Amino acid sequence: MKWTKKIKRRINIRTQIYKRSNGVCHYCGRKLKRADATIDHVYPQAHFVEMKRRHDNMVVACKRCNLLKAAMIPRYLKPSLELVR
């Protein structure tokens, strides 16, 4: 696959995930502009390689929440992300 096709596909996936979430951060609930949104893997790639490409494992997150979450597994998130709200 050519690089331009890969880039277009990646942009398309990001757009679909952003629209699915209505532009709201999955973790703190803030409304995000498209440029400020990041895509986060709920189950981190570092621990769950098989989940890497699954779209149902990807959510919109603000940069702050994405950095705080890092490679944490969802059951360990709540105490860390409570600081964000």
N, C-alpha and C. Protein backbone atom coordinates (compact mmCIF):
# COMPACT_ATOMS: atom_id res chain seq x y z
N MET A 1 0.85 -1.17 0.00
CA MET A 1 0.00 0.00 0.00
C MET A 1 0.90 1.25 0.00
N LYS A 2 0.56 2.20 -0.82
CA LYS A 2 1.35 3.41 -0.88
C LYS A 2 1.14 4.24 0.38
N TRP A 3 2.12 5.09 0.69
CA TRP A 3 2.05 5.93 1.89
C TRP A 3 0.84 6.84 1.88
N THR A 4 0.49 7.39 0.72
CA THR A 4 -0.66 8.29 0.67
C THR A 4 -1.95 7.56 1.02
N LYS A 5 -2.07 6.31 0.60
CA LYS A 5 -3.26 5.53 0.95
C LYS A 5 -3.31 5.25 2.45
N LYS A 6 -2.16 4.94 3.03
CA LYS A 6 -2.10 4.68 4.47
C LYS A 6 -2.50 5.93 5.26
N ILE A 7 -1.99 7.07 4.84
CA ILE A 7 -2.30 8.32 5.54
C ILE A 7 -3.78 8.65 5.41
N LYS A 8 -4.34 8.51 4.21
CA LYS A 8 -5.76 8.77 4.00
C LYS A 8 -6.61 7.83 4.84
N ARG A 9 -6.22 6.57 4.91
CA ARG A 9 -6.96 5.59 5.70
C ARG A 9 -6.92 5.95 7.19
N ARG A 10 -5.74 6.35 7.67
CA ARG A 10 -5.58 6.72 9.07
C ARG A 10 -6.43 7.94 9.41
N ILE A 11 -6.45 8.94 8.52
CA ILE A 11 -7.26 10.14 8.74
C ILE A 11 -8.73 9.78 8.76
N ASN A 12 -9.15 8.89 7.86
CA ASN A 12 -10.53 8.46 7.80
C ASN A 12 -10.95 7.76 9.10
N ILE A 13 -10.10 6.89 9.62
CA ILE A 13 -10.39 6.19 10.88
C ILE A 13 -10.50 7.18 12.02
N ARG A 14 -9.57 8.13 12.11
CA ARG A 14 -9.61 9.15 13.16
C ARG A 14 -10.90 9.97 13.08
N THR A 15 -11.31 10.32 11.88
CA THR A 15 -12.53 11.09 11.68
C THR A 15 -13.75 10.29 12.13
N GLN A 16 -13.80 9.02 11.79
CA GLN A 16 -14.92 8.16 12.20
C GLN A 16 -15.01 8.06 13.72
N ILE A 17 -13.88 7.90 14.38
CA ILE A 17 -13.87 7.78 15.83
C ILE A 17 -14.27 9.11 16.48
N TYR A 18 -13.81 10.21 15.93
CA TYR A 18 -14.18 11.54 16.44
C TYR A 18 -15.70 11.74 16.31
N LYS A 19 -16.26 11.41 15.16
CA LYS A 19 -17.70 11.57 14.95
C LYS A 19 -18.50 10.66 15.86
N ARG A 20 -18.02 9.43 16.06
CA ARG A 20 -18.70 8.46 16.92
C ARG A 20 -18.82 8.98 18.36
N SER A 21 -17.81 9.74 18.79
CA SER A 21 -17.81 10.24 20.17
C SER A 21 -18.42 11.64 20.29
N ASN A 22 -18.86 12.19 19.18
CA ASN A 22 -19.38 13.57 19.16
C ASN A 22 -18.35 14.58 19.63
N GLY A 23 -17.08 14.24 19.49
CA GLY A 23 -16.00 15.15 19.85
C GLY A 23 -15.83 15.35 21.35
N VAL A 24 -16.27 14.38 22.13
CA VAL A 24 -16.19 14.47 23.60
C VAL A 24 -15.13 13.51 24.11
N CYS A 25 -14.26 14.00 25.02
CA CYS A 25 -13.23 13.15 25.62
C CYS A 25 -13.89 11.99 26.37
N HIS A 26 -13.44 10.80 26.11
CA HIS A 26 -13.99 9.59 26.73
C HIS A 26 -13.79 9.59 28.24
N TYR A 27 -12.76 10.23 28.73
CA TYR A 27 -12.39 10.16 30.14
C TYR A 27 -12.91 11.32 30.98
N CYS A 28 -12.80 12.55 30.49
CA CYS A 28 -13.21 13.70 31.32
C CYS A 28 -14.49 14.36 30.83
N GLY A 29 -14.95 14.01 29.63
CA GLY A 29 -16.21 14.53 29.14
C GLY A 29 -16.15 15.92 28.51
N ARG A 30 -14.95 16.46 28.35
CA ARG A 30 -14.82 17.78 27.72
C ARG A 30 -15.08 17.70 26.23
N LYS A 31 -15.73 18.75 25.70
CA LYS A 31 -15.94 18.86 24.25
C LYS A 31 -14.62 19.32 23.64
N LEU A 32 -14.18 18.65 22.57
CA LEU A 32 -12.89 18.93 21.96
C LEU A 32 -13.04 19.38 20.52
N LYS A 33 -12.20 20.31 20.11
CA LYS A 33 -12.09 20.63 18.70
C LYS A 33 -11.35 19.47 18.05
N ARG A 34 -11.59 19.28 16.78
CA ARG A 34 -10.96 18.17 16.05
C ARG A 34 -9.43 18.20 16.19
N ALA A 35 -8.86 19.39 16.12
CA ALA A 35 -7.40 19.53 16.19
C ALA A 35 -6.84 19.18 17.57
N ASP A 36 -7.66 19.29 18.62
CA ASP A 36 -7.20 19.02 19.98
C ASP A 36 -7.45 17.58 20.43
N ALA A 37 -8.15 16.82 19.62
CA ALA A 37 -8.50 15.46 20.00
C ALA A 37 -7.37 14.49 19.63
N THR A 38 -7.16 13.54 20.51
CA THR A 38 -6.23 12.45 20.23
C THR A 38 -7.02 11.15 20.24
N ILE A 39 -6.47 10.13 19.64
CA ILE A 39 -7.10 8.81 19.66
C ILE A 39 -6.35 7.95 20.66
N ASP A 40 -7.11 7.35 21.57
CA ASP A 40 -6.49 6.53 22.61
C ASP A 40 -7.00 5.09 22.49
N HIS A 41 -6.12 4.16 22.77
CA HIS A 41 -6.51 2.75 22.84
C HIS A 41 -6.93 2.48 24.28
N VAL A 42 -8.18 2.12 24.50
CA VAL A 42 -8.68 1.86 25.85
C VAL A 42 -7.84 0.77 26.50
N TYR A 43 -7.69 -0.34 25.80
CA TYR A 43 -6.78 -1.39 26.24
C TYR A 43 -5.46 -1.15 25.52
N PRO A 44 -4.44 -0.73 26.25
CA PRO A 44 -3.18 -0.26 25.65
C PRO A 44 -2.50 -1.28 24.74
N GLN A 45 -1.92 -0.75 23.67
CA GLN A 45 -1.19 -1.59 22.73
C GLN A 45 -0.03 -2.31 23.40
N ALA A 46 0.54 -1.69 24.40
CA ALA A 46 1.70 -2.27 25.09
C ALA A 46 1.35 -3.59 25.78
N HIS A 47 0.07 -3.72 26.22
CA HIS A 47 -0.35 -4.93 26.94
C HIS A 47 -1.23 -5.86 26.10
N PHE A 48 -1.93 -5.27 25.13
CA PHE A 48 -2.90 -6.03 24.34
C PHE A 48 -2.64 -5.81 22.85
N VAL A 49 -1.60 -6.42 22.33
CA VAL A 49 -1.20 -6.23 20.93
C VAL A 49 -2.35 -6.60 19.99
N GLU A 50 -3.12 -7.59 20.34
CA GLU A 50 -4.22 -8.03 19.46
C GLU A 50 -5.33 -6.98 19.34
N MET A 51 -5.37 -6.00 20.23
CA MET A 51 -6.40 -4.97 20.21
C MET A 51 -5.97 -3.72 19.42
N LYS A 52 -4.75 -3.73 18.92
CA LYS A 52 -4.16 -2.55 18.30
C LYS A 52 -5.01 -1.93 17.19
N ARG A 53 -5.54 -2.73 16.32
CA ARG A 53 -6.26 -2.21 15.15
C ARG A 53 -7.79 -2.26 15.28
N ARG A 54 -8.28 -2.66 16.41
CA ARG A 54 -9.74 -2.74 16.59
C ARG A 54 -10.31 -1.36 16.87
N HIS A 55 -11.24 -0.94 16.06
CA HIS A 55 -11.83 0.40 16.21
C HIS A 55 -12.66 0.52 17.48
N ASP A 56 -13.22 -0.58 17.95
CA ASP A 56 -13.99 -0.52 19.19
C ASP A 56 -13.09 -0.37 20.42
N ASN A 57 -11.79 -0.45 20.23
CA ASN A 57 -10.83 -0.23 21.31
C ASN A 57 -10.27 1.19 21.27
N MET A 58 -10.70 1.99 20.31
CA MET A 58 -10.18 3.35 20.16
C MET A 58 -11.24 4.37 20.54
N VAL A 59 -10.83 5.36 21.32
CA VAL A 59 -11.74 6.43 21.75
C VAL A 59 -11.04 7.78 21.60
N VAL A 60 -11.84 8.83 21.61
CA VAL A 60 -11.30 10.19 21.58
C VAL A 60 -10.92 10.57 23.00
N ALA A 61 -9.76 11.19 23.14
CA ALA A 61 -9.31 11.67 24.44
C ALA A 61 -8.61 13.01 24.27
N CYS A 62 -8.74 13.87 25.27
CA CYS A 62 -7.97 15.11 25.22
C CYS A 62 -6.50 14.75 25.49
N LYS A 63 -5.62 15.62 25.14
CA LYS A 63 -4.18 15.33 25.28
C LYS A 63 -3.82 15.05 26.74
N ARG A 64 -4.41 15.83 27.64
CA ARG A 64 -4.11 15.66 29.07
C ARG A 64 -4.51 14.27 29.57
N CYS A 65 -5.74 13.86 29.26
CA CYS A 65 -6.20 12.54 29.71
C CYS A 65 -5.39 11.42 29.07
N ASN A 66 -5.07 11.58 27.80
CA ASN A 66 -4.29 10.57 27.11
C ASN A 66 -2.91 10.42 27.75
N LEU A 67 -2.30 11.52 28.12
CA LEU A 67 -0.99 11.46 28.79
C LEU A 67 -1.10 10.85 30.18
N LEU A 68 -2.15 11.21 30.93
CA LEU A 68 -2.33 10.65 32.26
C LEU A 68 -2.63 9.16 32.22
N LYS A 69 -3.40 8.75 31.24
CA LYS A 69 -3.74 7.33 31.13
C LYS A 69 -2.53 6.50 30.76
N ALA A 70 -1.74 7.00 29.83
CA ALA A 70 -0.54 6.30 29.36
C ALA A 70 -0.89 4.87 28.97
N ALA A 71 -0.23 3.88 29.54
CA ALA A 71 -0.47 2.48 29.19
C ALA A 71 -1.22 1.75 30.30
N MET A 72 -2.03 2.51 31.06
CA MET A 72 -2.79 1.87 32.14
C MET A 72 -3.94 1.05 31.58
N ILE A 73 -4.26 0.01 32.28
CA ILE A 73 -5.40 -0.84 31.94
C ILE A 73 -6.64 -0.20 32.57
N PRO A 74 -7.80 -0.23 31.89
CA PRO A 74 -8.99 0.49 32.37
C PRO A 74 -9.35 0.32 33.85
N ARG A 75 -9.20 -0.84 34.41
CA ARG A 75 -9.61 -1.01 35.82
C ARG A 75 -8.75 -0.21 36.79
N TYR A 76 -7.57 0.25 36.35
CA TYR A 76 -6.69 1.04 37.21
C TYR A 76 -6.80 2.54 36.94
N LEU A 77 -7.68 2.93 36.03
CA LEU A 77 -7.75 4.32 35.61
C LEU A 77 -8.43 5.27 36.57
N LYS A 78 -9.54 4.87 37.14
CA LYS A 78 -10.39 5.79 37.87
C LYS A 78 -9.64 6.68 38.87
N PRO A 79 -8.81 6.15 39.75
CA PRO A 79 -8.12 7.04 40.70
C PRO A 79 -7.22 8.07 40.00
N SER A 80 -6.56 7.69 38.94
CA SER A 80 -5.66 8.62 38.24
C SER A 80 -6.40 9.72 37.52
N LEU A 81 -7.49 9.36 36.85
CA LEU A 81 -8.21 10.35 36.06
C LEU A 81 -9.18 11.18 36.88
N GLU A 82 -9.43 10.82 38.12
CA GLU A 82 -10.28 11.66 38.99
C GLU A 82 -9.62 13.03 39.17
N LEU A 83 -8.29 13.09 39.07
CA LEU A 83 -7.58 14.35 39.22
C LEU A 83 -7.88 15.32 38.08
N VAL A 84 -8.33 14.80 36.96
CA VAL A 84 -8.59 15.63 35.78
C VAL A 84 -9.88 16.41 35.92
N ARG A 85 -10.87 15.82 36.51
CA ARG A 85 -12.20 16.44 36.56
C ARG A 85 -12.24 17.66 37.43
